[in-house]
Amino acid sequence: MNSYNATLPVLKALCDETRLCILRLLSGGEKNGCEIHRAFCCTQPTISYHMKLLVDSGLVLCRREGCAAQYSLNTELWPSVEQLLDVLCTRTEATKEDQHE
């Protein structure tokens, strides 16, 4: 996740409350599409839209089991995401400190 092109889909995926809630739900383990849909007050097409963005960003993995989609967090990507957020937060804090001097 060193280039801006790789980070943009991740940041886009993280900037929505529903997607953050889906990520929190998936942190409890793999869920199928119906389980995710039942957990939210959204239509099935809306949940599908959010899941596509999460999968396309690489934050979530999708595997087919029969005709059902099973979703889980992509644990291999999360250390890079944490590192990116740490860098952004550190730079933001440094900028705030510079402005107060």
Protein backbone atom coordinates (compact mmCIF):
# COMPACT_ATOMS: atom_id res chain seq x y z
CA MET A 1 0.00 0.00 0.00
CA ASN A 2 2.81 2.38 -0.91
CA SER A 3 1.23 4.27 -3.80
CA TYR A 4 -1.63 6.73 -3.69
CA ASN A 5 -3.53 4.68 -6.27
CA ALA A 6 -3.56 1.71 -3.89
CA THR A 7 -4.65 3.77 -0.87
CA LEU A 8 -7.51 5.69 -2.48
CA PRO A 9 -9.97 2.74 -2.61
CA VAL A 10 -9.16 1.91 1.02
CA LEU A 11 -9.73 5.49 2.18
CA LYS A 12 -12.94 5.69 0.16
CA ALA A 13 -14.17 2.47 1.74
CA LEU A 14 -13.38 3.75 5.23
CA CYS A 15 -15.16 7.10 4.83
CA ASP A 16 -18.71 5.76 5.17
CA GLU A 17 -20.50 4.98 8.44
CA THR A 18 -22.33 1.94 7.06
CA ARG A 19 -19.11 0.42 5.73
CA LEU A 20 -17.37 1.04 9.06
CA CYS A 21 -20.25 -0.75 10.81
CA ILE A 22 -19.96 -3.65 8.36
CA LEU A 23 -16.23 -3.89 9.10
CA ARG A 24 -17.00 -3.93 12.83
CA LEU A 25 -19.55 -6.71 12.25
CA LEU A 26 -17.02 -8.73 10.25
CA SER A 27 -14.41 -8.29 12.98
CA GLY A 28 -16.51 -10.84 14.87
CA GLY A 29 -15.94 -13.43 12.14
CA GLU A 30 -17.11 -14.45 8.70
CA LYS A 31 -20.70 -13.59 7.76
CA ASN A 32 -22.84 -14.35 4.74
CA GLY A 33 -24.67 -11.69 2.77
CA CYS A 34 -28.01 -12.40 4.45
CA GLU A 35 -26.50 -12.04 7.93
CA ILE A 36 -25.00 -8.69 6.97
CA HIS A 37 -28.27 -7.53 5.41
CA ARG A 38 -30.26 -8.46 8.54
CA ALA A 39 -27.89 -6.45 10.74
CA PHE A 40 -28.66 -3.17 8.94
CA CYS A 41 -31.71 -1.12 8.02
CA CYS A 42 -30.71 -0.98 4.36
CA THR A 43 -32.04 -2.60 1.25
CA GLN A 44 -30.23 -5.61 -0.18
CA PRO A 45 -28.97 -3.60 -3.20
CA THR A 46 -27.53 -0.98 -0.81
CA ILE A 47 -25.69 -3.65 1.19
CA SER A 48 -24.43 -5.18 -2.08
CA TYR A 49 -23.09 -1.77 -3.13
CA HIS A 50 -21.21 -1.36 0.15
CA MET A 51 -19.87 -4.92 0.03
CA LYS A 52 -18.59 -4.39 -3.52
CA LEU A 53 -16.66 -1.29 -2.43
CA LEU A 54 -15.22 -3.15 0.57
CA VAL A 55 -14.20 -6.14 -1.54
CA ASP A 56 -12.80 -3.97 -4.35
CA SER A 57 -10.73 -2.01 -1.81
CA GLY A 58 -9.21 -5.25 -0.53
CA LEU A 59 -10.43 -4.70 3.03
CA VAL A 60 -12.90 -7.60 2.78
CA LEU A 61 -12.58 -11.01 1.15
CA CYS A 62 -15.50 -12.75 -0.55
CA ARG A 63 -15.81 -16.43 -1.24
CA ARG A 64 -18.72 -18.32 -2.74
CA GLU A 65 -20.33 -21.17 -0.85
CA GLY A 66 -23.05 -22.53 -3.09
CA CYS A 67 -25.08 -19.51 -4.14
CA ALA A 68 -24.25 -17.57 -0.96
CA ALA A 69 -21.40 -15.11 -0.60
CA GLN A 70 -19.30 -15.40 2.56
CA TYR A 71 -17.46 -12.26 3.68
CA SER A 72 -14.50 -11.87 6.02
CA LEU A 73 -11.89 -9.26 6.85
CA ASN A 74 -8.70 -9.43 4.80
CA THR A 75 -6.35 -9.80 7.76
CA GLU A 76 -3.27 -9.56 5.52
CA LEU A 77 -4.15 -5.99 4.49
CA TRP A 78 -5.01 -4.59 7.93
CA PRO A 79 -1.42 -4.03 9.16
CA SER A 80 -0.86 -1.79 6.12
CA VAL A 81 -4.12 0.05 6.81
CA GLU A 82 -3.12 0.60 10.44
CA GLN A 83 0.28 1.89 9.31
CA LEU A 84 -1.35 4.29 6.84
CA LEU A 85 -3.72 5.64 9.49
CA ASP A 86 -0.86 6.03 11.97
CA VAL A 87 1.11 8.07 9.43
CA LEU A 88 -1.90 10.27 8.66
CA CYS A 89 -2.70 10.81 12.34
CA THR A 90 0.93 11.56 13.21
CA ARG A 91 1.19 14.12 10.42
CA THR A 92 -2.12 15.69 11.44
CA GLU A 93 -0.96 16.01 15.05
CA ALA A 94 2.38 17.50 13.94
CA THR A 95 0.55 20.04 11.77
CA LYS A 96 -1.72 21.02 14.69
CA GLU A 97 1.29 21.48 16.97
CA ASP A 98 3.05 23.62 14.34
CA GLN A 99 -0.04 25.83 14.01
CA HIS A 100 -0.20 26.44 17.78
CA GLU A 101 3.43 27.57 18.04
